[in-house]
């Protein structure tokens, strides 16, 4: 079984890594998580503009035709950059 990333997955991984490093730093994420809403509609709009939200959907539905669910890859990358913030921090 081949566990290497496909070219498409590598592009997504690199895109998310750059974005998290350059635009979505720890302090930014902490402020979002600690806000009343707990999310940032602005950032979710950016995720959509970057095409990340359409990755798992078939092209006929406006997606990019991903055949493997990329969410674990995306969330793993975000989690790797935000180890101090977990879902448990929202349960206080």
Foldseek 3Di string as FASTA:
>chain_A
DDPDDDPVLVVVLVVLLVCCVPPNAQVNQVCLCPDPVRHDPVVVVVCVVVQVVQDCDCVVVVHPHHPDDCVVVNVVSNCVRHVPDDPVVNVD
